[in-house]
Amino acid sequence: MERWEHLQSWLFHLGYLGEELECFAGTSRGAWLYRQIAREAAQAAKVAREFIDEVEQASTYYADGGL
């Protein structure tokens, strides 16, 4: 699983790409930027889902008297 720091850096990078939209929207490079944002957002969402699953699994384990 990815480390949370990696997810955090991905999210900051997505913010940076979002800021660049102003410069590229409506240009031929704008389509590339939109695709890149969609691709990276999907990857970040997948990693976030893995973290959610891990936390929910741990919560269930501890709620059931684990450790």
Protein backbone atom coordinates (compact mmCIF):
# COMPACT_ATOMS: atom_id res chain seq x y z
CA MET A 1 0.00 0.00 0.00
CA GLU A 2 1.10 3.53 -0.69
CA ARG A 3 2.20 5.66 2.21
CA TRP A 4 -0.10 8.51 3.24
CA GLU A 5 2.69 10.97 2.40
CA HIS A 6 2.53 9.80 -1.21
CA LEU A 7 -1.22 10.37 -1.28
CA GLN A 8 -0.70 13.82 0.20
CA SER A 9 1.89 14.75 -2.43
CA TRP A 10 -0.44 13.48 -5.15
CA LEU A 11 -3.21 15.71 -3.86
CA PHE A 12 -0.90 18.73 -3.78
CA HIS A 13 0.18 17.92 -7.34
CA LEU A 14 -3.46 17.72 -8.41
CA GLY A 15 -3.96 21.16 -6.87
CA TYR A 16 -1.04 22.45 -8.90
CA LEU A 17 -2.47 20.97 -12.11
CA GLY A 18 -5.81 22.58 -11.28
CA GLU A 19 -4.10 25.96 -10.98
CA GLU A 20 -2.51 25.43 -14.40
CA LEU A 21 -5.92 24.95 -16.02
CA GLU A 22 -6.29 28.71 -16.36
CA CYS A 23 -3.27 28.80 -18.67
CA PHE A 24 -4.16 25.77 -20.78
CA ALA A 25 -7.97 25.60 -20.91
CA GLY A 26 -9.13 26.16 -24.46
CA THR A 27 -5.75 25.31 -25.99
CA SER A 28 -4.62 22.11 -27.68
CA ARG A 29 -2.69 21.21 -24.51
CA GLY A 30 -5.78 21.68 -22.37
CA ALA A 31 -7.15 18.26 -23.34
CA TRP A 32 -3.93 16.63 -22.19
CA LEU A 33 -4.11 18.46 -18.88
CA TYR A 34 -7.71 17.40 -18.28
CA ARG A 35 -6.78 13.77 -19.02
CA GLN A 36 -3.78 13.99 -16.71
CA ILE A 37 -5.92 15.37 -13.89
CA ALA A 38 -8.51 12.61 -14.41
CA ARG A 39 -5.81 9.92 -14.45
CA GLU A 40 -4.09 11.17 -11.31
CA ALA A 41 -7.39 11.76 -9.50
CA ALA A 42 -8.42 8.17 -10.23
CA GLN A 43 -5.11 6.89 -8.84
CA ALA A 44 -5.43 9.05 -5.74
CA ALA A 45 -9.01 7.83 -5.23
CA LYS A 46 -7.84 4.21 -5.47
CA VAL A 47 -5.17 4.77 -2.83
CA ALA A 48 -7.65 6.62 -0.61
CA ARG A 49 -10.06 3.67 -0.95
CA GLU A 50 -7.29 1.31 0.21
CA PHE A 51 -6.71 3.49 3.27
CA ILE A 52 -10.45 3.54 4.01
CA ASP A 53 -10.63 -0.25 3.74
CA GLU A 54 -7.63 -0.65 6.05
CA VAL A 55 -9.07 1.70 8.69
CA GLU A 56 -12.50 0.04 8.53
CA GLN A 57 -10.92 -3.40 8.84
CA ALA A 58 -8.86 -2.27 11.86
CA SER A 59 -11.92 -0.64 13.44
CA THR A 60 -13.91 -3.86 13.06
CA TYR A 61 -11.03 -5.91 14.48
CA TYR A 62 -10.67 -3.71 17.56
CA ALA A 63 -14.44 -3.44 18.04
CA ASP A 64 -14.60 -7.25 18.10
CA GLY A 65 -12.11 -7.41 20.97
CA GLY A 66 -8.92 -7.87 18.97
CA LEU A 67 -5.63 -7.32 20.78
